[in-house]
């Protein structure tokens, strides 16, 4: 109970990633690495061909660092920023809901519906329509809704989390979706 439950992130080594990831993920990773090497070579060539290499080298190096390691780090941090932390009387939720990144404390009493079953997450990074992809990659999710049927939080499905939610959310109705 005293840990963050990440929605779309799984800590793993490169070998585990290579063994468990989709072919499309591997393809994008290889293309990204090849493109970064191609751009590095292009930037080096442009630097030597420029009239002022002392200005071109730091400029192109900073552009390359921003584009390749920077974007990878930014995407990693974005995906890792979606988490749920179960406390004694409340749930601490973090992630982008709407257009803003926010941290919100939700009392268990607000939960009216607990949706379980073969469900994708209601919330995804960047408000994209990639919930089916995350559902294939990480499995089923538990979506907790309030009385207006608005999503309070989403968490990956596990029996221990479902049991915890059933204990804490005394007035919630469990709805199983086939």
N, C-alpha and C. Protein backbone atom coordinates (compact mmCIF):
# COMPACT_ATOMS: atom_id res chain seq x y z
N UNK A 1 0.82 -1.19 0.00
CA UNK A 1 0.00 0.00 0.00
C UNK A 1 0.86 1.26 0.00
N UNK A 2 2.08 1.19 0.46
CA UNK A 2 2.95 2.37 0.54
C UNK A 2 3.85 2.50 -0.68
N UNK A 3 3.28 2.40 -1.85
CA UNK A 3 4.09 2.58 -3.05
C UNK A 3 3.23 3.20 -4.14
N UNK A 4 3.94 3.80 -5.09
CA UNK A 4 3.26 4.38 -6.24
C UNK A 4 2.87 3.25 -7.19
N UNK A 5 1.69 3.35 -7.72
CA UNK A 5 1.23 2.41 -8.73
C UNK A 5 1.22 3.16 -10.06
N UNK A 6 2.22 2.87 -10.90
CA UNK A 6 2.32 3.55 -12.19
C UNK A 6 1.30 2.99 -13.16
N UNK A 7 0.72 3.86 -13.96
CA UNK A 7 -0.29 3.44 -14.91
C UNK A 7 0.31 2.97 -16.22
N UNK A 8 1.32 3.66 -16.72
CA UNK A 8 1.83 3.39 -18.05
C UNK A 8 3.33 3.18 -18.08
N UNK A 9 3.94 2.91 -16.94
CA UNK A 9 5.39 2.77 -16.85
C UNK A 9 5.72 1.46 -16.16
N UNK A 10 6.75 0.80 -16.65
CA UNK A 10 7.21 -0.44 -16.04
C UNK A 10 8.73 -0.42 -16.07
N UNK A 11 9.34 -0.46 -14.89
CA UNK A 11 10.80 -0.43 -14.83
C UNK A 11 11.33 -1.77 -15.34
N UNK A 12 12.26 -1.68 -16.30
CA UNK A 12 12.80 -2.89 -16.89
C UNK A 12 14.14 -2.60 -17.54
N UNK A 13 14.92 -3.63 -17.70
CA UNK A 13 16.21 -3.48 -18.37
C UNK A 13 16.00 -3.48 -19.89
N UNK A 14 17.05 -3.19 -20.61
CA UNK A 14 16.95 -3.18 -22.07
C UNK A 14 16.67 -4.59 -22.60
N UNK A 15 17.28 -5.60 -21.96
CA UNK A 15 17.03 -6.98 -22.38
C UNK A 15 15.58 -7.38 -22.16
N UNK A 16 15.01 -6.99 -21.04
CA UNK A 16 13.61 -7.29 -20.77
C UNK A 16 12.71 -6.54 -21.74
N UNK A 17 13.05 -5.27 -22.00
CA UNK A 17 12.28 -4.51 -22.98
C UNK A 17 12.31 -5.19 -24.33
N UNK A 18 13.49 -5.63 -24.75
CA UNK A 18 13.63 -6.24 -26.06
C UNK A 18 12.85 -7.55 -26.15
N UNK A 19 12.78 -8.28 -25.04
CA UNK A 19 12.09 -9.56 -25.04
C UNK A 19 10.57 -9.39 -24.97
N UNK A 20 10.08 -8.38 -24.23
CA UNK A 20 8.65 -8.26 -23.96
C UNK A 20 7.93 -7.20 -24.79
N UNK A 21 8.63 -6.37 -25.53
CA UNK A 21 7.96 -5.27 -26.21
C UNK A 21 7.37 -5.72 -27.55
N UNK A 22 6.51 -4.87 -28.08
CA UNK A 22 5.89 -5.13 -29.37
C UNK A 22 6.91 -4.91 -30.48
N UNK A 23 6.68 -5.52 -31.64
CA UNK A 23 7.59 -5.34 -32.78
C UNK A 23 7.61 -3.88 -33.23
N UNK A 24 6.48 -3.21 -33.14
CA UNK A 24 6.42 -1.81 -33.56
C UNK A 24 7.30 -0.94 -32.66
N UNK A 25 7.32 -1.24 -31.36
CA UNK A 25 8.20 -0.49 -30.44
C UNK A 25 9.67 -0.70 -30.80
N UNK A 26 10.04 -1.92 -31.11
CA UNK A 26 11.42 -2.21 -31.50
C UNK A 26 11.77 -1.49 -32.80
N UNK A 27 10.84 -1.50 -33.75
CA UNK A 27 11.07 -0.82 -35.02
C UNK A 27 11.28 0.68 -34.81
N UNK A 28 10.43 1.31 -34.00
CA UNK A 28 10.59 2.74 -33.74
C UNK A 28 11.89 3.04 -33.01
N UNK A 29 12.30 2.18 -32.09
CA UNK A 29 13.55 2.39 -31.37
C UNK A 29 14.75 2.31 -32.32
N UNK A 30 14.76 1.32 -33.20
CA UNK A 30 15.86 1.19 -34.16
C UNK A 30 15.89 2.38 -35.11
N UNK A 31 14.72 2.78 -35.62
CA UNK A 31 14.66 3.95 -36.52
C UNK A 31 15.13 5.21 -35.80
N UNK A 32 14.72 5.38 -34.55
CA UNK A 32 15.12 6.56 -33.78
C UNK A 32 16.64 6.60 -33.59
N UNK A 33 17.24 5.47 -33.27
CA UNK A 33 18.69 5.42 -33.08
C UNK A 33 19.44 5.66 -34.39
N UNK A 34 18.97 5.05 -35.47
CA UNK A 34 19.61 5.28 -36.77
C UNK A 34 19.48 6.73 -37.21
N UNK A 35 18.32 7.31 -37.00
CA UNK A 35 18.11 8.71 -37.37
C UNK A 35 19.00 9.63 -36.53
N UNK A 36 19.16 9.30 -35.24
CA UNK A 36 20.02 10.14 -34.40
C UNK A 36 21.48 10.06 -34.86
N UNK A 37 21.94 8.87 -35.25
CA UNK A 37 23.31 8.75 -35.78
C UNK A 37 23.46 9.48 -37.11
N UNK A 38 22.46 9.37 -37.97
CA UNK A 38 22.49 10.08 -39.25
C UNK A 38 22.54 11.59 -39.03
N UNK A 39 21.72 12.09 -38.12
CA UNK A 39 21.70 13.53 -37.84
C UNK A 39 23.02 13.98 -37.21
N UNK A 40 23.61 13.17 -36.35
CA UNK A 40 24.91 13.53 -35.77
C UNK A 40 25.96 13.64 -36.86
N UNK A 41 25.99 12.69 -37.78
CA UNK A 41 26.92 12.77 -38.90
C UNK A 41 26.66 13.98 -39.78
N UNK A 42 25.39 14.26 -40.03
CA UNK A 42 25.04 15.44 -40.82
C UNK A 42 25.44 16.73 -40.14
N UNK A 43 25.24 16.80 -38.84
CA UNK A 43 25.63 18.01 -38.10
C UNK A 43 27.15 18.19 -38.10
N UNK A 44 27.89 17.09 -37.99
CA UNK A 44 29.36 17.19 -38.04
C UNK A 44 29.80 17.67 -39.42
N UNK A 45 29.19 17.13 -40.47
CA UNK A 45 29.53 17.56 -41.83
C UNK A 45 29.20 19.05 -42.04
N UNK A 46 28.02 19.48 -41.58
CA UNK A 46 27.63 20.89 -41.73
C UNK A 46 28.57 21.79 -40.94
N UNK A 47 29.02 21.34 -39.78
CA UNK A 47 29.94 22.14 -38.97
C UNK A 47 31.24 22.38 -39.71
N UNK A 48 31.79 21.34 -40.32
CA UNK A 48 33.06 21.51 -41.04
C UNK A 48 32.89 22.32 -42.33
N UNK A 49 31.71 22.31 -42.91
CA UNK A 49 31.46 23.07 -44.14
C UNK A 49 31.06 24.52 -43.88
N UNK A 50 30.77 24.86 -42.64
CA UNK A 50 30.29 26.22 -42.35
C UNK A 50 31.45 27.21 -42.38
N UNK A 51 31.09 28.48 -42.50
CA UNK A 51 32.12 29.53 -42.54
C UNK A 51 32.68 29.81 -41.16
N UNK A 52 31.90 29.52 -40.11
CA UNK A 52 32.36 29.74 -38.74
C UNK A 52 32.07 28.49 -37.91
N UNK A 53 32.96 27.49 -37.93
CA UNK A 53 32.72 26.24 -37.20
C UNK A 53 32.62 26.44 -35.69
N UNK A 54 33.23 27.47 -35.14
CA UNK A 54 33.18 27.69 -33.69
C UNK A 54 31.77 28.06 -33.24
N UNK A 55 30.97 28.65 -34.10
CA UNK A 55 29.59 28.98 -33.77
C UNK A 55 28.67 27.82 -34.12
N UNK A 56 28.91 27.18 -35.24
CA UNK A 56 28.04 26.11 -35.72
C UNK A 56 28.11 24.87 -34.83
N UNK A 57 29.28 24.53 -34.33
CA UNK A 57 29.43 23.31 -33.54
C UNK A 57 28.59 23.34 -32.26
N UNK A 58 28.68 24.37 -31.41
CA UNK A 58 27.83 24.36 -30.20
C UNK A 58 26.34 24.45 -30.53
N UNK A 59 26.00 25.21 -31.56
CA UNK A 59 24.59 25.34 -31.93
C UNK A 59 24.01 24.00 -32.38
N UNK A 60 24.69 23.34 -33.29
CA UNK A 60 24.19 22.06 -33.78
C UNK A 60 24.27 20.96 -32.72
N UNK A 61 25.28 21.02 -31.86
CA UNK A 61 25.37 20.03 -30.77
C UNK A 61 24.21 20.21 -29.80
N UNK A 62 23.85 21.44 -29.48
CA UNK A 62 22.73 21.66 -28.57
C UNK A 62 21.41 21.25 -29.21
N UNK A 63 21.25 21.48 -30.51
CA UNK A 63 20.04 21.02 -31.21
C UNK A 63 19.98 19.50 -31.18
N UNK A 64 21.09 18.83 -31.44
CA UNK A 64 21.10 17.37 -31.43
C UNK A 64 20.78 16.83 -30.03
N UNK A 65 21.38 17.45 -28.99
CA UNK A 65 21.11 17.00 -27.62
C UNK A 65 19.65 17.21 -27.24
N UNK A 66 19.06 18.30 -27.70
CA UNK A 66 17.64 18.54 -27.41
C UNK A 66 16.76 17.53 -28.13
N UNK A 67 17.06 17.26 -29.40
CA UNK A 67 16.20 16.39 -30.19
C UNK A 67 16.26 14.93 -29.76
N UNK A 68 17.43 14.41 -29.49
CA UNK A 68 17.50 12.97 -29.30
C UNK A 68 17.51 12.55 -27.83
N UNK A 69 18.53 12.81 -27.05
CA UNK A 69 18.40 12.41 -25.64
C UNK A 69 17.33 13.22 -24.91
N UNK A 70 17.16 14.48 -25.27
CA UNK A 70 16.18 15.33 -24.58
C UNK A 70 14.75 14.87 -24.78
N UNK A 71 14.39 14.55 -26.01
CA UNK A 71 13.02 14.10 -26.28
C UNK A 71 12.76 12.73 -25.67
N UNK A 72 13.77 11.87 -25.67
CA UNK A 72 13.61 10.56 -25.02
C UNK A 72 13.36 10.73 -23.53
N UNK A 73 14.13 11.59 -22.89
CA UNK A 73 13.96 11.84 -21.46
C UNK A 73 12.60 12.48 -21.19
N UNK A 74 12.17 13.42 -22.02
CA UNK A 74 10.89 14.08 -21.84
C UNK A 74 9.74 13.09 -21.95
N UNK A 75 9.79 12.21 -22.95
CA UNK A 75 8.74 11.20 -23.11
C UNK A 75 8.73 10.23 -21.94
N UNK A 76 9.91 9.84 -21.47
CA UNK A 76 10.00 8.95 -20.31
C UNK A 76 9.38 9.60 -19.08
N UNK A 77 9.70 10.86 -18.83
CA UNK A 77 9.16 11.57 -17.67
C UNK A 77 7.65 11.76 -17.78
N UNK A 78 7.16 11.99 -18.99
CA UNK A 78 5.72 12.17 -19.19
C UNK A 78 4.97 10.88 -18.86
N UNK A 79 5.44 9.77 -19.37
CA UNK A 79 4.78 8.49 -19.12
C UNK A 79 4.89 8.11 -17.66
N UNK A 80 6.02 8.40 -17.03
CA UNK A 80 6.23 8.04 -15.63
C UNK A 80 5.46 8.95 -14.68
N UNK A 81 4.91 10.06 -15.16
CA UNK A 81 4.23 11.00 -14.28
C UNK A 81 2.81 10.59 -13.94
N UNK A 82 2.30 9.52 -14.52
CA UNK A 82 0.96 9.05 -14.19
C UNK A 82 1.07 7.97 -13.12
N UNK A 83 0.62 8.29 -11.91
CA UNK A 83 0.67 7.31 -10.83
C UNK A 83 -0.45 7.57 -9.84
N UNK A 84 -0.71 6.54 -9.05
CA UNK A 84 -1.72 6.60 -7.98
C UNK A 84 -1.05 6.08 -6.72
N UNK A 85 -1.27 6.79 -5.60
CA UNK A 85 -0.71 6.39 -4.32
C UNK A 85 -1.86 6.24 -3.33
N UNK A 86 -2.04 5.03 -2.81
CA UNK A 86 -3.13 4.75 -1.87
C UNK A 86 -2.68 5.07 -0.46
N UNK A 87 -3.40 5.99 0.20
CA UNK A 87 -3.13 6.34 1.58
C UNK A 87 -4.22 5.77 2.47
N UNK A 88 -4.19 6.11 3.75
CA UNK A 88 -5.15 5.53 4.69
C UNK A 88 -6.60 5.94 4.39
N UNK A 89 -6.82 7.24 4.18
CA UNK A 89 -8.19 7.73 3.97
C UNK A 89 -8.40 8.36 2.60
N UNK A 90 -7.33 8.51 1.84
CA UNK A 90 -7.43 9.19 0.54
C UNK A 90 -6.56 8.49 -0.50
N UNK A 91 -6.77 8.88 -1.73
CA UNK A 91 -5.96 8.44 -2.86
C UNK A 91 -5.28 9.68 -3.41
N UNK A 92 -3.97 9.61 -3.58
CA UNK A 92 -3.23 10.70 -4.19
C UNK A 92 -2.99 10.33 -5.65
N UNK A 93 -3.50 11.16 -6.54
CA UNK A 93 -3.43 10.89 -7.98
C UNK A 93 -2.56 11.96 -8.64
N UNK A 94 -1.72 11.55 -9.58
CA UNK A 94 -0.88 12.50 -10.29
C UNK A 94 -0.90 12.16 -11.77
N UNK A 95 -1.00 13.19 -12.60
CA UNK A 95 -0.98 13.01 -14.04
C UNK A 95 -1.68 14.15 -14.73
N UNK A 96 -1.76 14.08 -16.04
CA UNK A 96 -2.43 15.12 -16.82
C UNK A 96 -3.89 14.75 -16.98
N UNK A 97 -4.74 15.57 -16.44
CA UNK A 97 -6.18 15.38 -16.55
C UNK A 97 -6.72 16.66 -17.16
N UNK A 98 -7.33 16.54 -18.32
CA UNK A 98 -7.66 17.73 -19.08
C UNK A 98 -6.40 18.16 -19.79
N UNK A 99 -6.02 19.41 -19.61
CA UNK A 99 -4.82 19.92 -20.27
C UNK A 99 -3.71 20.28 -19.29
N UNK A 100 -3.90 19.99 -18.01
CA UNK A 100 -2.92 20.41 -17.01
C UNK A 100 -2.43 19.21 -16.22
N UNK A 101 -1.15 19.22 -15.87
CA UNK A 101 -0.62 18.21 -14.97
C UNK A 101 -1.00 18.62 -13.56
N UNK A 102 -1.57 17.68 -12.84
CA UNK A 102 -2.03 18.04 -11.51
C UNK A 102 -1.88 16.87 -10.55
N UNK A 103 -1.78 17.23 -9.30
CA UNK A 103 -1.76 16.28 -8.21
C UNK A 103 -3.06 16.52 -7.44
N UNK A 104 -3.80 15.47 -7.18
CA UNK A 104 -5.10 15.65 -6.54
C UNK A 104 -5.28 14.60 -5.46
N UNK A 105 -5.84 15.03 -4.34
CA UNK A 105 -6.16 14.12 -3.23
C UNK A 105 -7.65 13.82 -3.31
N UNK A 106 -7.98 12.54 -3.38
CA UNK A 106 -9.37 12.12 -3.54
C UNK A 106 -9.75 11.24 -2.35
N UNK A 107 -10.78 11.61 -1.60
CA UNK A 107 -11.23 10.73 -0.51
C UNK A 107 -11.93 9.49 -1.09
N UNK A 108 -11.80 8.38 -0.39
CA UNK A 108 -12.41 7.14 -0.86
C UNK A 108 -13.93 7.25 -0.93
N UNK A 109 -14.53 8.13 -0.13
CA UNK A 109 -15.98 8.26 -0.10
C UNK A 109 -16.55 8.80 -1.42
N UNK A 110 -15.73 9.49 -2.22
CA UNK A 110 -16.21 10.03 -3.50
C UNK A 110 -16.43 8.95 -4.54
N UNK A 111 -15.81 7.80 -4.36
CA UNK A 111 -15.93 6.72 -5.34
C UNK A 111 -17.32 6.11 -5.28
N UNK A 112 -18.02 6.13 -6.41
CA UNK A 112 -19.36 5.56 -6.49
C UNK A 112 -19.38 4.30 -7.33
N UNK A 113 -18.57 4.26 -8.38
CA UNK A 113 -18.53 3.11 -9.28
C UNK A 113 -17.09 2.64 -9.45
N UNK A 114 -16.90 1.33 -9.40
CA UNK A 114 -15.61 0.72 -9.69
C UNK A 114 -15.82 -0.18 -10.89
N UNK A 115 -15.23 0.20 -12.01
CA UNK A 115 -15.37 -0.58 -13.24
C UNK A 115 -14.19 -1.54 -13.36
N UNK A 116 -14.50 -2.82 -13.51
CA UNK A 116 -13.46 -3.84 -13.68
C UNK A 116 -13.82 -4.68 -14.90
N UNK A 117 -12.90 -5.51 -15.32
CA UNK A 117 -13.12 -6.39 -16.45
C UNK A 117 -12.12 -6.11 -17.55
N UNK A 118 -12.53 -6.38 -18.76
CA UNK A 118 -11.67 -6.20 -19.93
C UNK A 118 -11.72 -4.74 -20.35
N UNK A 119 -11.06 -3.88 -19.57
CA UNK A 119 -11.16 -2.43 -19.77
C UNK A 119 -9.83 -1.78 -20.09
N UNK A 120 -9.83 -0.87 -21.05
CA UNK A 120 -8.65 -0.01 -21.23
C UNK A 120 -8.70 1.13 -20.22
N UNK A 121 -7.62 1.85 -20.03
CA UNK A 121 -7.65 2.99 -19.10
C UNK A 121 -8.48 4.14 -19.66
N UNK A 122 -9.17 4.86 -18.78
CA UNK A 122 -9.92 6.04 -19.20
C UNK A 122 -8.98 7.19 -19.53
N UNK A 123 -7.84 7.24 -18.87
CA UNK A 123 -6.90 8.34 -19.02
C UNK A 123 -5.62 7.84 -19.64
N UNK A 124 -5.07 8.60 -20.59
CA UNK A 124 -3.81 8.24 -21.23
C UNK A 124 -2.91 9.46 -21.31
N UNK A 125 -1.60 9.26 -21.44
CA UNK A 125 -0.68 10.40 -21.54
C UNK A 125 -0.97 11.27 -22.76
N UNK A 126 -0.92 12.56 -22.54
CA UNK A 126 -1.10 13.50 -23.63
C UNK A 126 -2.50 13.55 -24.19
N UNK A 127 -3.47 13.00 -23.47
CA UNK A 127 -4.86 12.96 -23.92
C UNK A 127 -5.00 12.37 -25.32
N UNK A 128 -4.17 11.40 -25.62
CA UNK A 128 -4.23 10.75 -26.92
C UNK A 128 -5.23 9.61 -26.88
N UNK A 129 -5.58 9.12 -28.01
CA UNK A 129 -6.52 8.01 -28.09
C UNK A 129 -5.74 6.70 -28.22
N UNK A 130 -4.84 6.45 -27.28
CA UNK A 130 -4.01 5.25 -27.33
C UNK A 130 -4.33 4.29 -26.20
N UNK A 131 -5.56 4.35 -25.68
CA UNK A 131 -5.92 3.50 -24.56
C UNK A 131 -5.90 2.02 -24.94
N UNK A 132 -6.24 1.69 -26.18
CA UNK A 132 -6.20 0.28 -26.60
C UNK A 132 -4.77 -0.24 -26.63
N UNK A 133 -3.82 0.59 -27.02
CA UNK A 133 -2.42 0.18 -27.04
C UNK A 133 -1.93 -0.10 -25.62
N UNK A 134 -2.25 0.78 -24.66
CA UNK A 134 -1.85 0.55 -23.28
C UNK A 134 -2.55 -0.68 -22.71
N UNK A 135 -3.79 -0.92 -23.13
CA UNK A 135 -4.53 -2.09 -22.68
C UNK A 135 -3.84 -3.37 -23.16
N UNK A 136 -3.36 -3.37 -24.41
CA UNK A 136 -2.64 -4.54 -24.92
C UNK A 136 -1.31 -4.73 -24.20
N UNK A 137 -0.63 -3.63 -23.91
CA UNK A 137 0.70 -3.72 -23.32
C UNK A 137 0.67 -4.10 -21.84
N UNK A 138 -0.21 -3.48 -21.06
CA UNK A 138 -0.20 -3.66 -19.61
C UNK A 138 -1.38 -4.46 -19.06
N UNK A 139 -2.34 -4.82 -19.88
CA UNK A 139 -3.47 -5.60 -19.40
C UNK A 139 -4.65 -4.73 -19.01
N UNK A 140 -5.50 -5.27 -18.15
CA UNK A 140 -6.73 -4.58 -17.76
C UNK A 140 -6.47 -3.49 -16.73
N UNK A 141 -7.42 -2.58 -16.64
CA UNK A 141 -7.34 -1.46 -15.70
C UNK A 141 -8.60 -1.42 -14.85
N UNK A 142 -8.48 -0.80 -13.70
CA UNK A 142 -9.62 -0.51 -12.84
C UNK A 142 -9.88 0.98 -12.96
N UNK A 143 -11.09 1.35 -13.36
CA UNK A 143 -11.47 2.75 -13.48
C UNK A 143 -12.45 3.07 -12.37
N UNK A 144 -12.16 4.08 -11.57
CA UNK A 144 -13.00 4.48 -10.45
C UNK A 144 -13.69 5.79 -10.82
N UNK A 145 -15.03 5.79 -10.72
CA UNK A 145 -15.83 6.94 -11.13
C UNK A 145 -16.57 7.53 -9.94
N UNK A 146 -16.93 8.81 -10.05
CA UNK A 146 -17.74 9.45 -9.01
C UNK A 146 -19.22 9.30 -9.37
N UNK A 147 -20.09 9.97 -8.61
CA UNK A 147 -21.53 9.82 -8.84
C UNK A 147 -21.99 10.43 -10.16
N UNK A 148 -21.23 11.36 -10.71
CA UNK A 148 -21.55 11.95 -12.01
C UNK A 148 -20.93 11.16 -13.16
N UNK A 149 -20.36 10.03 -12.86
CA UNK A 149 -19.69 9.13 -13.81
C UNK A 149 -18.49 9.79 -14.48
N UNK A 150 -17.79 10.63 -13.74
CA UNK A 150 -16.53 11.20 -14.18
C UNK A 150 -15.40 10.40 -13.54
N UNK A 151 -14.34 10.20 -14.27
CA UNK A 151 -13.24 9.36 -13.79
C UNK A 151 -12.48 10.07 -12.67
N UNK A 152 -12.40 9.43 -11.52
CA UNK A 152 -11.59 9.95 -10.41
C UNK A 152 -10.14 9.54 -10.59
N UNK A 153 -9.92 8.26 -10.84
CA UNK A 153 -8.57 7.77 -11.10
C UNK A 153 -8.65 6.42 -11.79
N UNK A 154 -7.56 6.03 -12.38
CA UNK A 154 -7.41 4.76 -13.08
C UNK A 154 -6.16 4.09 -12.53
N UNK A 155 -6.21 2.78 -12.38
CA UNK A 155 -5.05 2.03 -11.89
C UNK A 155 -5.04 0.67 -12.59
N UNK A 156 -3.84 0.10 -12.75
CA UNK A 156 -3.74 -1.22 -13.37
C UNK A 156 -4.43 -2.25 -12.50
N UNK A 157 -5.04 -3.23 -13.16
CA UNK A 157 -5.79 -4.24 -12.44
C UNK A 157 -4.87 -5.20 -11.71
N UNK A 158 -5.19 -5.43 -10.45
CA UNK A 158 -4.60 -6.52 -9.67
C UNK A 158 -5.59 -6.87 -8.57
N UNK A 159 -5.56 -8.11 -8.14
CA UNK A 159 -6.50 -8.56 -7.11
C UNK A 159 -6.30 -7.80 -5.80
N UNK A 160 -5.05 -7.52 -5.45
CA UNK A 160 -4.79 -6.81 -4.19
C UNK A 160 -5.32 -5.38 -4.22
N UNK A 161 -5.19 -4.71 -5.35
CA UNK A 161 -5.72 -3.34 -5.45
C UNK A 161 -7.24 -3.36 -5.44
N UNK A 162 -7.84 -4.32 -6.13
CA UNK A 162 -9.30 -4.43 -6.11
C UNK A 162 -9.81 -4.70 -4.70
N UNK A 163 -9.13 -5.57 -3.98
CA UNK A 163 -9.52 -5.87 -2.59
C UNK A 163 -9.39 -4.62 -1.72
N UNK A 164 -8.31 -3.87 -1.90
CA UNK A 164 -8.12 -2.63 -1.15
C UNK A 164 -9.22 -1.63 -1.45
N UNK A 165 -9.57 -1.48 -2.73
CA UNK A 165 -10.63 -0.53 -3.10
C UNK A 165 -11.98 -0.96 -2.55
N UNK A 166 -12.25 -2.25 -2.55
CA UNK A 166 -13.52 -2.72 -2.00
C UNK A 166 -13.61 -2.48 -0.50
N UNK A 167 -12.48 -2.58 0.20
CA UNK A 167 -12.46 -2.29 1.64
C UNK A 167 -12.63 -0.80 1.92
N UNK A 168 -11.91 0.03 1.18
CA UNK A 168 -11.89 1.47 1.46
C UNK A 168 -13.12 2.20 0.92
N UNK A 169 -13.59 1.83 -0.26
CA UNK A 169 -14.73 2.51 -0.88
C UNK A 169 -16.00 1.77 -0.49
N UNK A 170 -16.53 2.11 0.67
CA UNK A 170 -17.65 1.35 1.22
C UNK A 170 -18.95 1.54 0.44
N UNK A 171 -19.17 2.71 -0.16
CA UNK A 171 -20.43 2.94 -0.86
C UNK A 171 -20.30 2.78 -2.38
N UNK A 172 -19.23 2.19 -2.85
CA UNK A 172 -19.01 2.03 -4.30
C UNK A 172 -19.65 0.74 -4.80
N UNK A 173 -20.17 0.80 -6.01
CA UNK A 173 -20.76 -0.36 -6.68
C UNK A 173 -19.75 -0.88 -7.70
N UNK A 174 -19.54 -2.18 -7.69
CA UNK A 174 -18.62 -2.79 -8.64
C UNK A 174 -19.40 -3.16 -9.89
N UNK A 175 -18.90 -2.71 -11.03
CA UNK A 175 -19.53 -3.02 -12.31
C UNK A 175 -18.49 -3.79 -13.13
N UNK A 176 -18.87 -4.99 -13.53
CA UNK A 176 -17.97 -5.82 -14.33
C UNK A 176 -18.33 -5.68 -15.80
N UNK A 177 -17.34 -5.34 -16.61
CA UNK A 177 -17.54 -5.15 -18.04
C UNK A 177 -16.91 -6.35 -18.75
N UNK A 178 -17.68 -6.98 -19.61
CA UNK A 178 -17.17 -8.16 -20.32
C UNK A 178 -16.41 -7.79 -21.55
